[in-house]
Amino acid sequence: MAAQGSKKVIIAAIAGNSLIAMTKFAAAAFTGSSAMFSEGIHSAVDTGNQALLLYGLKRAARPADERHPFGYGREIYFWAFVVAILIFAVGAGVSFYEGVHKFLDPHPVSDVYVNYVVLGVAMVFEAGAWWVAYKTFKAGMGRRGYLQAVQVSKDPSIFTVLLEDTAAMLGLLVAFFGLLIGQWLQIPEMDGAASMVIGLILAAAAMLLAYETKGLLIGEGADPELASRLSAMVSGHEAVMRLNELLTLHQGPQDILVTVSLDFHDHLSANDVEGAIAALERRMKTADTAVRRVFIEAQSWQAHRSDRLRGPT
């Protein structure tokens, strides 16, 4: 997905969450609701996280230099991992602590209807931010399911915001029903229980995000569909006798490195091989705009197999 689409999603989320956070904290101070305070922490953490993602996008867009010849694209993966840590440590940790404290020392929530109004307004803002993130994410899903789309997505700025906004919507529902049940049944402990559930939701979102960004930090290949298309494109060239190996690596959401080992027909001259390599590089870069760098090695199949069996030395 393009960087502009990512920025649009993040800016919409920052605008919504910053307003929501201030409203929730004001309501929590006025009514003494633990669940509302947890929701305020949640929105504040989300706002800070999205600012970090925006900063990460800016850093990742820097051009390659001598120290980083392949560019800075992976920096967005680092900041997404930092976001996961913050969601777990601050969002989930504070929410769960506040919930336990309120559960052990319960007191009725005053002016509970103020909380209902604030939660209703927050749902409207969150739904708007969620819809922007969802539409952008949906555009890149193809025929995949949601979880599979998250797993194959290489743009954490999109699925991080969507995941945060989904957790926020669930948290608002938990806070609403926690307050409602507590008021209806006269059980003040429900406010603390709702805060603890919100903490668990945030912890689950943080762990999923950390797991996905860990893979991107280590290095993930391109979408299998793209890798198959590139393999077919290379194998079908008239100069190629055999495709030994094709490897891909995401250096950033829109920056793919491709390395290829090819066994060319023996009757070809050096000039013919050079021309074929240049043509294949152009074709692969045209096949997908994310393919930025292509390295092609001319190697006999026997030599390639021997190197693979020997392994690293």
Protein backbone atom coordinates (compact mmCIF):
# COMPACT_ATOMS: atom_id res chain seq x y z
CA MET A 1 0.00 0.00 0.00
CA ALA A 2 1.23 3.47 -0.80
CA ALA A 3 2.74 5.67 1.87
CA GLN A 4 0.10 8.35 1.23
CA GLY A 5 -2.63 5.86 2.07
CA SER A 6 -0.82 4.92 5.28
CA LYS A 7 -0.46 8.59 6.29
CA LYS A 8 -4.14 9.23 5.62
CA VAL A 9 -5.13 6.38 7.93
CA ILE A 10 -2.73 7.47 10.69
CA ILE A 11 -3.70 11.16 10.58
CA ALA A 12 -7.40 10.27 10.76
CA ALA A 13 -6.69 8.03 13.76
CA ILE A 14 -4.60 10.70 15.55
CA ALA A 15 -7.30 13.32 15.11
CA GLY A 16 -10.04 11.04 16.39
CA ASN A 17 -8.13 9.51 19.32
CA SER A 18 -6.75 12.79 20.67
CA LEU A 19 -10.26 14.26 20.94
CA ILE A 20 -11.62 11.04 22.40
CA ALA A 21 -8.83 10.81 25.00
CA MET A 22 -9.50 14.31 26.35
CA THR A 23 -13.23 13.62 26.56
CA LYS A 24 -12.75 10.29 28.35
CA PHE A 25 -10.33 11.72 30.93
CA ALA A 26 -12.73 14.57 31.67
CA ALA A 27 -15.59 12.09 32.15
CA ALA A 28 -13.43 9.82 34.34
CA ALA A 29 -12.43 12.74 36.59
CA PHE A 30 -16.06 13.87 36.87
CA THR A 31 -17.63 10.47 37.56
CA GLY A 32 -14.80 8.46 39.12
CA SER A 33 -15.23 5.57 36.67
CA SER A 34 -12.28 3.18 36.51
CA ALA A 35 -13.42 1.78 33.15
CA MET A 36 -13.64 5.30 31.70
CA PHE A 37 -10.16 6.11 33.02
CA SER A 38 -8.85 2.94 31.36
CA GLU A 39 -10.50 3.99 28.12
CA GLY A 40 -8.82 7.40 28.43
CA ILE A 41 -5.44 5.73 28.88
CA HIS A 42 -6.23 3.51 25.90
CA SER A 43 -7.01 6.47 23.62
CA ALA A 44 -3.98 8.45 24.85
CA VAL A 45 -1.68 5.49 24.16
CA ASP A 46 -3.24 5.03 20.72
CA THR A 47 -2.64 8.71 19.90
CA GLY A 48 1.01 8.47 20.93
CA ASN A 49 1.43 5.20 19.04
CA GLN A 50 0.04 6.64 15.84
CA ALA A 51 2.35 9.63 16.15
CA LEU A 52 5.24 7.14 16.39
CA LEU A 53 4.02 5.36 13.24
CA LEU A 54 3.86 8.69 11.40
CA TYR A 55 7.42 9.41 12.55
CA GLY A 56 8.44 5.92 11.43
CA LEU A 57 7.01 6.51 7.94
CA LYS A 58 9.01 9.73 7.65
CA ARG A 59 12.21 8.00 8.77
CA ALA A 60 11.64 5.04 6.46
CA ALA A 61 11.25 7.32 3.43
CA ARG A 62 14.86 8.55 3.64
CA PRO A 63 16.98 7.69 0.59
CA ALA A 64 19.74 5.09 0.70
CA ASP A 65 23.21 6.24 1.72
CA GLU A 66 26.66 4.75 2.21
CA ARG A 67 25.88 3.29 5.64
CA HIS A 68 22.48 1.95 4.57
CA PRO A 69 22.82 1.08 0.89
CA PHE A 70 19.41 -0.61 0.79
CA GLY A 71 17.64 2.35 2.37
CA TYR A 72 15.73 2.80 5.62
CA GLY A 73 12.45 1.10 4.72
CA ARG A 74 12.61 -1.38 7.59
CA GLU A 75 12.55 1.43 10.15
CA ILE A 76 8.75 1.45 10.04
CA TYR A 77 8.86 -2.16 11.26
CA PHE A 78 10.95 -1.10 14.28
CA TRP A 79 8.51 1.64 15.28
CA ALA A 80 5.56 -0.72 14.84
CA PHE A 81 7.28 -3.11 17.28
CA VAL A 82 7.77 -0.21 19.74
CA VAL A 83 4.04 0.49 19.42
CA ALA A 84 3.26 -3.12 20.36
CA ILE A 85 5.44 -2.81 23.47
CA LEU A 86 3.73 0.43 24.50
CA ILE A 87 0.25 -1.02 24.03
CA PHE A 88 1.19 -3.95 26.27
CA ALA A 89 3.20 -2.09 28.93
CA VAL A 90 1.22 1.15 29.21
CA GLY A 91 -2.23 0.49 27.78
CA ALA A 92 -2.81 -3.04 29.04
CA GLY A 93 -0.73 -2.67 32.20
CA VAL A 94 -2.34 0.54 33.48
CA SER A 95 -5.85 -0.59 32.54
CA PHE A 96 -5.48 -3.92 34.32
CA TYR A 97 -3.89 -2.31 37.41
CA GLU A 98 -6.63 0.30 37.61
CA GLY A 99 -9.25 -2.43 37.26
CA VAL A 100 -7.77 -4.56 40.05
CA HIS A 101 -7.55 -1.50 42.32
CA LYS A 102 -11.21 -0.60 41.69
CA PHE A 103 -12.31 -4.22 42.06
CA LEU A 104 -10.64 -4.52 45.47
CA ASP A 105 -11.85 -1.10 46.62
CA PRO A 106 -15.18 -0.60 44.82
CA HIS A 107 -17.23 2.57 44.97
CA PRO A 108 -20.30 3.56 42.96
CA VAL A 109 -19.80 5.60 39.81
CA SER A 110 -21.41 9.03 40.13
CA ASP A 111 -23.32 10.64 37.25
CA VAL A 112 -23.08 7.44 35.24
CA TYR A 113 -25.11 8.94 32.41
CA VAL A 114 -22.22 11.29 31.63
CA ASN A 115 -20.15 8.19 30.90
CA TYR A 116 -22.84 6.81 28.61
CA VAL A 117 -22.89 10.03 26.60
CA VAL A 118 -19.10 10.13 26.35
CA LEU A 119 -18.92 6.49 25.33
CA GLY A 120 -21.57 7.06 22.66
CA VAL A 121 -19.66 10.05 21.23
CA ALA A 122 -16.41 8.07 21.39
CA MET A 123 -17.99 5.20 19.46
CA VAL A 124 -18.91 7.62 16.67
CA PHE A 125 -15.36 9.02 16.44
CA GLU A 126 -13.76 5.58 16.71
CA ALA A 127 -16.10 4.15 14.09
CA GLY A 128 -15.06 6.92 11.67
CA ALA A 129 -11.34 6.30 12.22
CA TRP A 130 -11.89 2.53 12.03
CA TRP A 131 -13.77 2.87 8.73
CA VAL A 132 -10.93 4.85 7.11
CA ALA A 133 -8.40 2.21 8.24
CA TYR A 134 -10.70 -0.65 7.18
CA LYS A 135 -11.26 0.70 3.66
CA THR A 136 -7.53 1.13 3.10
CA PHE A 137 -6.81 -2.33 4.50
CA LYS A 138 -9.67 -3.90 2.52
CA ALA A 139 -8.26 -2.49 -0.74
CA GLY A 140 -5.16 -4.65 -0.33
CA MET A 141 -6.85 -7.82 0.98
CA GLY A 142 -7.77 -9.38 -2.33
CA ARG A 143 -9.59 -12.68 -1.72
CA ARG A 144 -7.87 -13.38 1.58
CA GLY A 145 -9.53 -13.58 4.97
CA TYR A 146 -8.85 -10.84 7.52
CA LEU A 147 -6.35 -12.75 9.63
CA GLN A 148 -4.51 -14.02 6.54
CA ALA A 149 -4.44 -10.48 5.13
CA VAL A 150 -2.78 -9.25 8.34
CA GLN A 151 -0.26 -12.09 8.15
CA VAL A 152 0.78 -11.32 4.55
CA SER A 153 0.56 -7.52 4.84
CA LYS A 154 3.93 -5.78 4.75
CA ASP A 155 2.62 -2.36 5.83
CA PRO A 156 2.32 -2.35 9.65
CA SER A 157 1.14 1.26 9.68
CA ILE A 158 -2.16 0.08 8.17
CA PHE A 159 -2.89 -3.06 10.14
CA THR A 160 -1.58 -1.53 13.40
CA VAL A 161 -4.11 1.31 13.23
CA LEU A 162 -6.89 -1.11 12.23
CA LEU A 163 -5.98 -3.43 15.10
CA GLU A 164 -5.84 -0.55 17.59
CA ASP A 165 -9.17 0.83 16.42
CA THR A 166 -10.77 -2.62 16.60
CA ALA A 167 -9.49 -3.04 20.16
CA ALA A 168 -10.80 0.46 20.94
CA MET A 169 -14.29 -0.41 19.68
CA LEU A 170 -14.32 -3.59 21.76
CA GLY A 171 -13.06 -1.64 24.78
CA LEU A 172 -15.87 0.90 24.45
CA LEU A 173 -18.46 -1.87 24.36
CA VAL A 174 -16.92 -3.52 27.43
CA ALA A 175 -16.86 -0.21 29.33
CA PHE A 176 -20.49 0.50 28.36
CA PHE A 177 -21.84 -2.88 29.44
CA GLY A 178 -19.66 -2.90 32.56
CA LEU A 179 -21.14 0.41 33.69
CA LEU A 180 -24.66 -0.62 32.65
CA ILE A 181 -24.58 -3.96 34.49
CA GLY A 182 -22.97 -2.35 37.53
CA GLN A 183 -25.70 0.32 37.66
CA TRP A 184 -28.54 -2.11 36.96
CA LEU A 185 -27.50 -4.77 39.49
CA GLN A 186 -25.88 -2.35 41.96
CA ILE A 187 -22.50 -4.10 41.65
CA PRO A 188 -19.77 -1.42 41.69
CA GLU A 189 -17.13 -4.09 41.14
CA MET A 190 -18.30 -4.38 37.53
CA ASP A 191 -16.57 -1.08 36.75
CA GLY A 192 -13.22 -2.58 37.83
CA ALA A 193 -13.97 -5.85 36.05
CA ALA A 194 -14.62 -3.94 32.82
CA SER A 195 -11.28 -2.16 33.20
CA MET A 196 -9.50 -5.51 33.61
CA VAL A 197 -11.20 -6.91 30.49
CA ILE A 198 -10.11 -3.81 28.55
CA GLY A 199 -6.56 -4.51 29.72
CA LEU A 200 -6.79 -8.09 28.47
CA ILE A 201 -8.10 -6.92 25.07
CA LEU A 202 -5.16 -4.53 24.75
CA ALA A 203 -2.71 -7.25 25.79
CA ALA A 204 -4.08 -9.60 23.11
CA ALA A 205 -3.84 -6.87 20.45
CA ALA A 206 -0.28 -6.06 21.53
CA MET A 207 0.84 -9.70 21.33
CA LEU A 208 -0.66 -10.16 17.86
CA LEU A 209 0.99 -6.95 16.66
CA ALA A 210 4.34 -7.91 18.20
CA TYR A 211 4.20 -11.34 16.54
CA GLU A 212 3.48 -9.87 13.10
CA THR A 213 6.09 -7.10 13.30
CA LYS A 214 8.71 -9.54 14.61
CA GLY A 215 8.47 -11.43 11.33
CA LEU A 216 8.85 -8.21 9.34
CA LEU A 217 11.89 -7.16 11.39
CA ILE A 218 13.59 -10.51 10.84
CA GLY A 219 12.80 -10.33 7.13
CA GLU A 220 9.82 -11.66 5.17
CA GLY A 221 9.55 -12.58 1.54
CA ALA A 222 7.12 -11.03 -0.93
CA ASP A 223 3.56 -12.22 -1.37
CA PRO A 224 3.68 -15.83 -2.69
CA GLU A 225 1.50 -14.79 -5.63
CA LEU A 226 4.04 -12.15 -6.69
CA ALA A 227 6.94 -14.59 -6.20
CA SER A 228 5.14 -17.12 -8.42
CA ARG A 229 4.56 -14.51 -11.12
CA LEU A 230 8.21 -13.49 -11.07
CA SER A 231 9.32 -17.13 -11.23
CA ALA A 232 7.06 -17.80 -14.22
CA MET A 233 8.30 -14.64 -15.92
CA VAL A 234 11.94 -15.66 -15.50
CA SER A 235 11.46 -19.32 -16.38
CA GLY A 236 9.60 -18.41 -19.55
CA HIS A 237 12.41 -16.33 -21.02
CA GLU A 238 13.90 -17.91 -24.14
CA ALA A 239 17.46 -17.52 -22.86
CA VAL A 240 16.82 -19.38 -19.60
CA MET A 241 17.36 -23.12 -19.47
CA ARG A 242 16.54 -23.49 -15.77
CA LEU A 243 15.56 -21.33 -12.81
CA ASN A 244 17.79 -22.43 -9.95
CA GLU A 245 16.39 -20.18 -7.26
CA LEU A 246 14.39 -16.99 -6.78
CA LEU A 247 14.40 -15.26 -3.39
CA THR A 248 12.52 -12.13 -2.32
CA LEU A 249 12.88 -9.91 0.74
CA HIS A 250 10.84 -6.92 1.88
CA GLN A 251 13.15 -4.03 2.79
CA GLY A 252 10.04 -1.96 3.45
CA PRO A 253 6.30 -2.04 2.68
CA GLN A 254 6.95 -0.89 -0.90
CA ASP A 255 10.57 -2.01 -1.34
CA ILE A 256 11.27 -5.58 -2.46
CA LEU A 257 14.70 -7.05 -3.11
CA VAL A 258 14.81 -9.96 -5.59
CA THR A 259 17.77 -12.28 -6.09
CA VAL A 260 17.75 -14.87 -8.86
CA SER A 261 20.07 -17.70 -9.84
CA LEU A 262 19.67 -18.80 -13.48
CA ASP A 263 21.15 -21.47 -15.67
CA PHE A 264 21.31 -20.02 -19.20
CA HIS A 265 21.54 -22.05 -22.40
CA ASP A 266 25.13 -23.07 -23.11
CA HIS A 267 25.14 -21.82 -26.71
CA LEU A 268 24.57 -18.20 -25.65
CA SER A 269 27.43 -15.72 -25.79
CA ALA A 270 28.37 -13.43 -22.90
CA ASN A 271 26.64 -10.55 -24.69
CA ASP A 272 23.47 -12.61 -25.06
CA VAL A 273 23.45 -13.44 -21.35
CA GLU A 274 24.04 -9.80 -20.40
CA GLY A 275 21.17 -8.72 -22.65
CA ALA A 276 18.85 -11.35 -21.17
CA ILE A 277 19.73 -10.29 -17.62
CA ALA A 278 19.02 -6.63 -18.41
CA ALA A 279 15.67 -7.53 -20.02
CA LEU A 280 14.64 -9.71 -17.09
CA GLU A 281 15.48 -6.99 -14.59
CA ARG A 282 13.30 -4.52 -16.48
CA ARG A 283 10.42 -7.01 -16.69
CA MET A 284 10.47 -7.81 -12.97
CA LYS A 285 10.55 -4.15 -11.97
CA THR A 286 7.65 -3.48 -14.32
CA ALA A 287 5.66 -6.42 -12.92
CA ASP A 288 5.28 -4.68 -9.55
CA THR A 289 6.31 -1.17 -8.54
CA ALA A 290 7.47 -2.48 -5.14
CA VAL A 291 10.28 -4.45 -6.84
CA ARG A 292 13.11 -1.94 -6.46
CA ARG A 293 16.28 -4.02 -6.73
CA VAL A 294 16.98 -7.16 -8.78
CA PHE A 295 20.20 -9.17 -8.70
CA ILE A 296 20.59 -11.98 -11.22
CA GLU A 297 23.38 -14.55 -11.05
CA ALA A 298 24.30 -16.76 -14.00
CA GLN A 299 25.15 -20.18 -12.60
CA SER A 300 24.89 -23.74 -13.82
CA TRP A 301 22.31 -25.93 -12.11
CA GLN A 302 24.99 -28.39 -10.97
CA ALA A 303 27.10 -25.64 -9.39
CA HIS A 304 24.06 -24.14 -7.67
CA ARG A 305 23.01 -27.52 -6.30
CA SER A 306 26.54 -28.18 -5.09
CA ASP A 307 26.61 -24.83 -3.28
CA ARG A 308 23.27 -25.54 -1.64
CA LEU A 309 24.39 -28.97 -0.44
CA ARG A 310 27.66 -27.59 0.88
CA GLY A 311 25.91 -24.85 2.81
CA PRO A 312 27.53 -21.76 4.36
CA THR A 313 31.24 -21.98 5.09
